[in-house]
Amino acid sequence: MKLRWLVVMVVLALVAVACGGDNGDTGTVAPGDEGEQGVDAGEPVRGGTLVAAIDSDPGQLNPAITTSGAVHTASELMFNGLVELDPQGEPVAELAESWEIEEDGAVYRFTLRDGVTWHDGEPLTSADVKYSFDEVLVPFHSRTKASVGAALESIETPDDLTVVFRFSEPYAPFLQQLGVTEAPIVPEHLYAGTDPQENPANQAPVGTGPFRFVSYAPGQEVVLEANADYFKADLPYLDGVVLRVVPEKGNQVIALEEGEADWLFGVPGPDLPRLEGRGDIEFLETSVNPGGANCIMTTSFNLERPILQAPEVRQAIAAALDREQFLERVEFGQGIVAQAPIHSGIPVARAERLDLPAFDPERAASLLDEAGWVREEREPARRKACRASTTAHRWPSTS
């Protein structure tokens, strides 16, 4: 059988559940444990077109005006941020070739790469960066608005290749927020004086990224071709990428097996054993994907609801959750059960393992008693309805 390169990318969803980092005591391999660079697929092969299945139609292709995962997955190959993060989460050069941090972290001075051009041939300048933040990212990208918006005082462009960000006080996380997912840079010459949410370039984007826009058929596919003028030497390897809309995960698996797709961003748990046994499909576990680090599944409480305001009730809910069973039966072992409330793949914010609530139904019931909940014995409706008929079934007694 012919071995398929580019593979199935298993985006590990974790259960209430931290993604990446340590394994805890579950024995489940966490993203990153396979080495600093992940799976070694050997020397890259040049040429060819990769067909990747995506879950939904993006609707538009400007990642700077939204945090929608569908948009970012379909468009990020066409754009760049000022910096990117390496596998260890450290900032590395992207559109900015270097930077200096001044005034104890209140000022960031970036020097842009010389010679970077937009896909239409226009040069990238500091004005593009200033415009992207002032007019697009801060107003419309919700994470930029929530994080940088309130702290950012001004952006200065002393020359075409220098951008200076001034904050009202030291702002330590800025470099971690400048990748293509968090802060894609868009061309001022196409967007200035328009509504960024309605600009025609959203449907036929012009970026600086490794791939150029070719076509977009809503509900069907996005077609990209290699950017021959990409500023990174010898990249990209592929001639093109087709992002094909296949909404249902089961249909994506069929497309992969039939050779109609080369790459999936995730695989349903029940299909994993069969796919692993084929021998012509490879799997890559990764700690990052478009949209940032992998999923965290969690339970949060709306404390404005009176029923949840008593601490005993929230503790009871925590004690009633069997997270290990959720991981095994719902996520099919893909992930690890969280040992702390902070994502274990974020080194700078990583907490030590905490003594989180264990699954304990008796403690949950006791806590609800303490909170003043009254236990009401009820006869199951199904048994009551069946009482008058003859049946071979015996309904279990429940309360």
Protein backbone atom coordinates (compact mmCIF):
# COMPACT_ATOMS: atom_id res chain seq x y z
CA MET A 1 0.00 0.00 0.00
CA LYS A 2 1.11 3.56 -0.68
CA LEU A 3 1.95 5.39 2.52
CA ARG A 4 0.18 8.72 2.84
CA TRP A 5 2.30 11.57 3.99
CA LEU A 6 0.51 14.20 5.82
CA VAL A 7 -1.32 12.12 7.83
CA VAL A 8 -4.05 12.60 10.29
CA MET A 9 -3.42 15.32 12.79
CA VAL A 10 -4.90 14.21 16.09
CA VAL A 11 -5.88 17.33 17.97
CA LEU A 12 -6.07 16.01 21.49
CA ALA A 13 -9.12 17.16 23.37
CA LEU A 14 -8.70 16.81 27.07
CA VAL A 15 -11.30 16.36 29.65
CA ALA A 16 -11.93 19.10 32.11
CA VAL A 17 -8.72 18.48 31.11
CA ALA A 18 -5.44 20.16 30.41
CA CYS A 19 -3.92 19.75 26.98
CA GLY A 20 -0.24 19.01 26.68
CA GLY A 21 2.44 18.98 29.32
CA ASP A 22 2.51 16.26 31.92
CA ASN A 23 0.75 12.96 31.87
CA GLY A 24 -0.34 12.92 35.47
CA ASP A 25 -1.04 9.35 36.49
CA THR A 26 -3.24 8.51 33.53
CA GLY A 27 -0.56 6.86 31.42
CA THR A 28 -1.85 8.81 28.43
CA VAL A 29 0.79 10.42 26.23
CA ALA A 30 0.36 14.17 26.26
CA PRO A 31 1.17 16.43 23.32
CA GLY A 32 4.86 17.30 23.31
CA ASP A 33 6.02 14.06 24.93
CA GLU A 34 7.18 12.71 21.58
CA GLY A 35 10.03 15.22 21.44
CA GLU A 36 10.59 18.91 20.93
CA GLN A 37 9.60 18.88 17.28
CA GLY A 38 6.90 16.22 17.51
CA VAL A 39 6.85 13.24 15.17
CA ASP A 40 9.83 13.02 12.81
CA ALA A 41 8.37 12.48 9.35
CA GLY A 42 11.79 12.41 7.69
CA GLU A 43 13.13 14.78 5.06
CA PRO A 44 10.45 16.98 3.47
CA VAL A 45 9.42 16.21 -0.10
CA ARG A 46 8.85 19.11 -2.48
CA GLY A 47 5.86 19.46 -4.72
CA GLY A 48 2.32 18.21 -4.77
CA THR A 49 -0.99 19.55 -3.53
CA LEU A 50 -2.27 18.74 -0.07
CA VAL A 51 -6.03 18.28 0.34
CA ALA A 52 -7.14 18.94 3.92
CA ALA A 53 -10.68 18.44 5.22
CA ILE A 54 -12.10 21.28 7.29
CA ASP A 55 -15.20 21.13 9.44
CA SER A 56 -17.17 24.12 8.20
CA ASP A 57 -17.36 26.86 5.61
CA PRO A 58 -15.41 29.89 6.87
CA GLY A 59 -17.77 32.46 5.33
CA GLN A 60 -14.90 34.90 4.84
CA LEU A 61 -11.08 34.75 4.88
CA ASN A 62 -9.86 37.64 7.02
CA PRO A 63 -8.50 36.22 10.30
CA ALA A 64 -7.89 39.69 11.74
CA ILE A 65 -11.59 40.47 12.27
CA THR A 66 -12.60 37.29 14.08
CA THR A 67 -11.48 34.54 16.42
CA SER A 68 -13.56 31.95 14.53
CA GLY A 69 -11.65 28.70 14.25
CA ALA A 70 -13.20 28.03 10.84
CA VAL A 71 -11.84 31.30 9.45
CA HIS A 72 -8.38 30.90 10.96
CA THR A 73 -7.99 27.31 9.76
CA ALA A 74 -8.97 28.34 6.23
CA SER A 75 -6.89 31.53 6.03
CA GLU A 76 -3.79 31.48 8.22
CA LEU A 77 -1.55 30.02 5.51
CA MET A 78 -1.99 33.31 3.64
CA PHE A 79 -0.90 35.62 6.49
CA ASN A 80 1.83 36.23 9.06
CA GLY A 81 2.17 37.84 12.45
CA LEU A 82 5.04 39.99 13.69
CA VAL A 83 6.51 37.00 15.52
CA GLU A 84 5.71 33.35 15.96
CA LEU A 85 6.19 30.92 18.85
CA ASP A 86 8.53 27.95 18.60
CA PRO A 87 7.58 24.51 20.01
CA GLN A 88 8.76 25.65 23.44
CA GLY A 89 6.54 28.74 23.32
CA GLU A 90 9.43 31.16 22.76
CA PRO A 91 8.99 34.07 20.28
CA VAL A 92 10.91 33.79 17.01
CA ALA A 93 11.21 36.15 14.04
CA GLU A 94 8.41 36.33 11.50
CA LEU A 95 7.51 39.66 9.82
CA ALA A 96 9.68 41.31 12.46
CA GLU A 97 13.32 40.22 12.22
CA SER A 98 14.23 41.65 15.63
CA TRP A 99 12.82 43.59 18.58
CA GLU A 100 13.86 45.45 21.70
CA ILE A 101 11.96 45.73 24.98
CA GLU A 102 12.34 49.10 26.67
CA GLU A 103 11.15 50.91 29.80
CA ASP A 104 10.79 47.67 31.77
CA GLY A 105 8.35 46.20 29.27
CA ALA A 106 6.19 49.26 28.57
CA VAL A 107 7.70 49.82 25.11
CA TYR A 108 8.32 47.27 22.33
CA ARG A 109 10.36 48.34 19.31
CA PHE A 110 10.20 46.05 16.24
CA THR A 111 12.38 46.08 13.14
CA LEU A 112 10.55 44.59 10.16
CA ARG A 113 12.20 42.38 7.57
CA ASP A 114 13.30 44.35 4.53
CA GLY A 115 11.95 43.18 1.18
CA VAL A 116 8.73 41.45 2.33
CA THR A 117 5.95 41.98 -0.18
CA TRP A 118 2.22 41.41 -0.18
CA HIS A 119 0.88 38.86 -2.63
CA ASP A 120 -0.02 41.70 -5.01
CA GLY A 121 3.59 42.91 -5.05
CA GLU A 122 3.21 45.93 -2.75
CA PRO A 123 5.88 46.23 -0.02
CA LEU A 124 5.07 45.50 3.62
CA THR A 125 5.71 48.58 5.79
CA SER A 126 5.25 49.69 9.36
CA ALA A 127 2.07 51.48 8.26
CA ASP A 128 0.48 48.07 7.61
CA VAL A 129 1.26 46.98 11.16
CA LYS A 130 -0.09 50.18 12.72
CA TYR A 131 -3.23 50.06 10.60
CA SER A 132 -3.81 46.37 11.42
CA PHE A 133 -3.75 47.01 15.16
CA ASP A 134 -5.48 50.38 15.27
CA GLU A 135 -8.24 49.77 12.75
CA VAL A 136 -8.76 46.02 12.61
CA LEU A 137 -7.33 43.87 15.42
CA VAL A 138 -8.21 46.01 18.45
CA PRO A 139 -11.74 46.86 17.20
CA PHE A 140 -12.71 43.43 15.81
CA HIS A 141 -10.45 40.61 17.05
CA SER A 142 -11.96 39.86 20.45
CA ARG A 143 -8.82 38.48 22.08
CA THR A 144 -6.68 41.42 20.94
CA LYS A 145 -9.34 43.83 22.15
CA ALA A 146 -9.59 42.11 25.54
CA SER A 147 -5.86 41.80 26.11
CA VAL A 148 -4.01 44.59 24.32
CA GLY A 149 -6.83 47.07 23.79
CA ALA A 150 -7.04 48.61 27.24
CA ALA A 151 -3.27 48.70 27.83
CA LEU A 152 -2.04 50.01 24.47
CA GLU A 153 -1.45 53.77 24.44
CA SER A 154 -0.03 54.33 20.96
CA ILE A 155 1.75 52.84 17.96
CA GLU A 156 4.51 54.86 16.31
CA THR A 157 6.10 54.35 12.88
CA PRO A 158 9.33 56.39 12.80
CA ASP A 159 10.24 54.82 9.44
CA ASP A 160 8.95 52.17 7.03
CA LEU A 161 10.64 49.30 8.86
CA THR A 162 10.21 50.34 12.50
CA VAL A 163 7.13 49.93 14.68
CA VAL A 164 7.00 51.08 18.31
CA PHE A 165 4.22 49.94 20.65
CA ARG A 166 3.77 52.02 23.81
CA PHE A 167 1.75 50.68 26.74
CA SER A 168 0.42 52.53 29.77
CA GLU A 169 2.45 50.21 32.01
CA PRO A 170 4.76 47.19 31.55
CA TYR A 171 2.95 44.54 29.51
CA ALA A 172 4.79 41.24 29.79
CA PRO A 173 2.72 38.88 27.56
CA PHE A 174 2.86 40.99 24.39
CA LEU A 175 5.35 38.83 22.46
CA GLN A 176 3.17 35.76 23.06
CA GLN A 177 0.22 37.54 21.41
CA LEU A 178 1.74 38.42 18.04
CA GLY A 179 1.49 35.19 16.05
CA VAL A 180 -0.71 34.79 12.99
CA THR A 181 -3.57 33.39 15.07
CA GLU A 182 -3.60 36.23 17.58
CA ALA A 183 -2.46 39.16 15.41
CA PRO A 184 -2.39 38.60 11.64
CA ILE A 185 -1.20 41.65 9.72
CA VAL A 186 -3.39 42.85 6.84
CA PRO A 187 -2.58 45.28 3.98
CA GLU A 188 -3.42 48.91 4.65
CA HIS A 189 -3.48 49.74 0.95
CA LEU A 190 -6.49 47.45 0.44
CA TYR A 191 -8.37 48.17 3.66
CA ALA A 192 -7.80 51.84 4.51
CA GLY A 193 -10.97 53.92 4.30
CA THR A 194 -13.27 50.89 4.23
CA ASP A 195 -15.22 48.82 6.70
CA PRO A 196 -12.81 45.92 7.42
CA GLN A 197 -15.76 43.61 7.98
CA GLU A 198 -17.23 44.28 4.53
CA ASN A 199 -14.13 44.74 2.38
CA PRO A 200 -14.09 42.56 -0.79
CA ALA A 201 -10.56 41.47 0.13
CA ASN A 202 -12.12 39.31 2.84
CA GLN A 203 -13.33 36.99 0.08
CA ALA A 204 -10.10 37.10 -1.96
CA PRO A 205 -7.37 37.88 0.58
CA VAL A 206 -3.95 39.35 -0.07
CA GLY A 207 -1.40 38.40 2.57
CA THR A 208 2.33 37.87 3.05
CA GLY A 209 2.11 34.17 3.91
CA PRO A 210 3.58 31.06 2.30
CA PHE A 211 0.47 30.47 0.17
CA ARG A 212 -1.51 32.78 -2.11
CA PHE A 213 -5.26 32.85 -2.63
CA VAL A 214 -6.54 31.17 -5.82
CA SER A 215 -10.27 30.66 -5.31
CA TYR A 216 -13.00 30.27 -2.73
CA ALA A 217 -16.21 28.36 -3.43
CA PRO A 218 -18.45 28.88 -0.35
CA GLY A 219 -19.51 25.61 1.18
CA GLN A 220 -17.05 23.68 -0.97
CA GLU A 221 -13.38 24.60 -0.81
CA VAL A 222 -10.60 27.16 -0.54
CA VAL A 223 -7.75 26.73 -3.04
CA LEU A 224 -4.25 28.11 -2.38
CA GLU A 225 -1.00 28.05 -4.34
CA ALA A 226 2.61 28.39 -3.20
CA ASN A 227 3.91 31.95 -2.83
CA ALA A 228 7.03 31.97 -5.01
CA ASP A 229 8.13 35.25 -3.39
CA TYR A 230 7.80 34.10 0.22
CA PHE A 231 10.36 35.78 2.46
CA LYS A 232 11.51 32.50 4.05
CA ALA A 233 14.07 30.79 1.84
CA ASP A 234 13.07 27.47 0.25
CA LEU A 235 9.52 27.58 1.65
CA PRO A 236 6.86 26.41 1.16
CA TYR A 237 7.50 22.82 0.10
CA LEU A 238 4.05 22.18 -1.33
CA ASP A 239 2.81 23.51 -4.67
CA GLY A 240 -0.63 24.09 -3.26
CA VAL A 241 -3.22 23.39 -0.60
CA VAL A 242 -6.93 22.69 -0.99
CA LEU A 243 -9.06 23.14 2.12
CA ARG A 244 -12.18 21.12 1.38
CA VAL A 245 -15.32 21.65 3.45
CA VAL A 246 -16.49 18.30 4.86
CA PRO A 247 -18.80 19.12 7.79
CA GLU A 248 -19.26 15.67 9.33
CA LYS A 249 -16.30 13.93 10.98
CA GLY A 250 -17.42 10.53 9.79
CA ASN A 251 -17.47 11.77 6.21
CA GLN A 252 -13.99 13.20 6.68
CA VAL A 253 -12.72 9.77 7.70
CA ILE A 254 -14.34 8.23 4.62
CA ALA A 255 -12.70 10.90 2.45
CA LEU A 256 -9.33 10.04 3.97
CA GLU A 257 -9.79 6.31 3.43
CA GLU A 258 -10.94 6.82 -0.17
CA GLY A 259 -7.98 9.06 -0.97
CA GLU A 260 -10.13 12.18 -1.40
CA ALA A 261 -8.40 13.92 1.52
CA ASP A 262 -4.78 13.75 2.69
CA TRP A 263 -5.08 15.45 6.05
CA LEU A 264 -7.62 15.62 8.88
CA PHE A 265 -7.39 17.95 11.85
CA GLY A 266 -8.97 15.37 14.13
CA VAL A 267 -10.31 11.83 14.20
CA PRO A 268 -13.39 10.52 16.04
CA GLY A 269 -12.32 8.19 18.83
CA PRO A 270 -14.29 5.16 17.57
CA ASP A 271 -12.45 5.33 14.22
CA LEU A 272 -8.93 5.44 15.64
CA PRO A 273 -8.30 1.67 16.06
CA ARG A 274 -9.38 0.94 12.49
CA LEU A 275 -7.29 3.74 11.00
CA GLU A 276 -4.26 2.82 13.10
CA GLY A 277 -4.46 -0.72 11.79
CA ARG A 278 -4.43 0.21 8.10
CA GLY A 279 -0.71 0.87 7.83
CA ASP A 280 -1.01 3.59 5.17
CA ILE A 281 -2.04 6.42 7.49
CA GLU A 282 0.25 8.26 9.89
CA PHE A 283 -0.72 10.15 13.01
CA LEU A 284 0.75 13.32 14.44
CA GLU A 285 0.04 14.49 17.96
CA THR A 286 0.59 18.20 18.38
CA SER A 287 0.29 20.68 21.21
CA VAL A 288 -0.77 23.52 18.90
CA ASN A 289 -3.18 24.06 16.03
CA PRO A 290 -4.84 27.01 14.34
CA GLY A 291 -6.39 28.93 17.21
CA GLY A 292 -3.54 28.25 19.58
CA ALA A 293 -2.91 25.45 22.06
CA ASN A 294 -5.14 22.42 22.05
CA CYS A 295 -8.54 22.12 23.59
CA ILE A 296 -9.37 22.35 27.24
CA MET A 297 -12.75 20.91 28.17
CA THR A 298 -13.97 22.34 31.40
CA THR A 299 -17.06 23.07 33.47
CA SER A 300 -17.73 26.62 34.59
CA PHE A 301 -20.42 28.02 36.85
CA ASN A 302 -22.75 30.96 36.32
CA LEU A 303 -22.57 32.47 39.79
CA GLU A 304 -25.49 34.79 39.03
CA ARG A 305 -27.76 31.76 39.27
CA PRO A 306 -28.92 31.44 42.90
CA ILE A 307 -28.82 27.64 42.73
CA LEU A 308 -25.04 27.72 42.14
CA GLN A 309 -24.06 30.38 44.66
CA ALA A 310 -23.59 27.99 47.59
CA PRO A 311 -19.99 26.64 47.56
CA GLU A 312 -21.26 23.23 48.70
CA VAL A 313 -23.31 22.89 45.50
CA ARG A 314 -20.34 23.62 43.27
CA GLN A 315 -18.19 21.23 45.28
CA ALA A 316 -20.89 18.57 44.97
CA ILE A 317 -20.96 18.92 41.19
CA ALA A 318 -17.15 18.56 41.10
CA ALA A 319 -17.33 15.43 43.24
CA ALA A 320 -20.04 13.97 41.01
CA LEU A 321 -17.94 14.20 37.83
CA ASP A 322 -16.00 11.06 36.90
CA ARG A 323 -13.36 12.74 34.73
CA GLU A 324 -11.39 9.55 34.13
CA GLN A 325 -14.52 7.88 32.74
CA PHE A 326 -15.24 10.91 30.59
CA LEU A 327 -11.73 10.74 29.15
CA GLU A 328 -12.03 7.03 28.42
CA ARG A 329 -15.59 6.80 27.10
CA VAL A 330 -16.21 10.21 25.52
CA GLU A 331 -12.72 11.20 24.36
CA PHE A 332 -11.56 7.60 23.83
CA GLY A 333 -8.38 8.17 25.80
CA GLN A 334 -7.22 11.10 23.68
CA GLY A 335 -5.79 13.43 26.28
CA ILE A 336 -5.07 13.67 29.96
CA VAL A 337 -7.20 14.57 32.94
CA ALA A 338 -6.22 18.00 34.21
CA GLN A 339 -4.22 18.25 37.41
CA ALA A 340 -4.52 22.03 37.69
CA PRO A 341 -6.85 24.76 36.43
CA ILE A 342 -4.19 26.22 34.09
CA HIS A 343 -3.32 24.67 30.73
CA SER A 344 -0.34 22.37 31.29
CA GLY A 345 1.10 23.37 27.91
CA ILE A 346 1.67 26.99 29.00
CA PRO A 347 5.07 26.96 30.73
CA VAL A 348 4.98 30.56 31.95
CA ALA A 349 1.63 30.07 33.66
CA ARG A 350 1.91 26.44 34.62
CA ALA A 351 0.74 25.56 38.11
CA GLU A 352 2.00 22.69 40.16
CA ARG A 353 -0.24 19.67 40.40
CA LEU A 354 -3.13 20.45 42.72
CA ASP A 355 -5.31 18.22 44.84
CA LEU A 356 -8.40 18.46 42.64
CA PRO A 357 -11.71 16.90 43.70
CA ALA A 358 -11.91 13.14 43.24
CA PHE A 359 -14.96 11.32 41.94
CA ASP A 360 -17.01 10.65 45.07
CA PRO A 361 -20.83 10.35 44.66
CA GLU A 362 -21.36 9.89 48.40
CA ARG A 363 -19.51 13.12 49.16
CA ALA A 364 -21.54 14.87 46.46
CA ALA A 365 -24.78 13.74 48.12
CA SER A 366 -23.52 14.79 51.55
CA LEU A 367 -22.55 18.25 50.28
CA LEU A 368 -26.00 18.73 48.78
CA ASP A 369 -27.47 17.81 52.17
CA GLU A 370 -25.27 20.47 53.78
CA ALA A 371 -26.46 23.02 51.23
CA GLY A 372 -30.06 22.38 52.29
CA TRP A 373 -31.23 20.36 49.33
CA VAL A 374 -34.11 18.02 50.18
CA ARG A 375 -34.03 14.49 48.83
CA GLU A 376 -37.35 13.50 47.35
CA GLU A 377 -38.08 9.83 46.81
CA ARG A 378 -39.74 9.37 43.44
CA GLU A 379 -41.05 6.36 41.60
CA PRO A 380 -39.69 6.33 38.04
CA ALA A 381 -42.32 7.43 35.52
CA ARG A 382 -41.63 4.46 33.24
CA ARG A 383 -42.26 1.95 36.03
CA LYS A 384 -45.43 3.74 37.09
CA ALA A 385 -46.76 3.63 33.53
CA CYS A 386 -45.97 -0.07 33.20
CA ARG A 387 -47.37 -1.17 36.57
CA ALA A 388 -50.73 -2.26 35.20
CA SER A 389 -49.31 -4.33 32.35
CA THR A 390 -47.63 -7.69 32.30
CA THR A 391 -43.93 -7.38 31.49
CA ALA A 392 -40.75 -9.37 31.79
CA HIS A 393 -38.71 -6.25 32.61
CA ARG A 394 -37.87 -5.19 36.15
CA TRP A 395 -37.17 -1.47 36.52
CA PRO A 396 -34.40 -0.63 38.97
CA SER A 397 -35.32 1.24 42.11
CA THR A 398 -33.99 4.81 41.99
CA SER A 399 -34.41 7.94 44.02
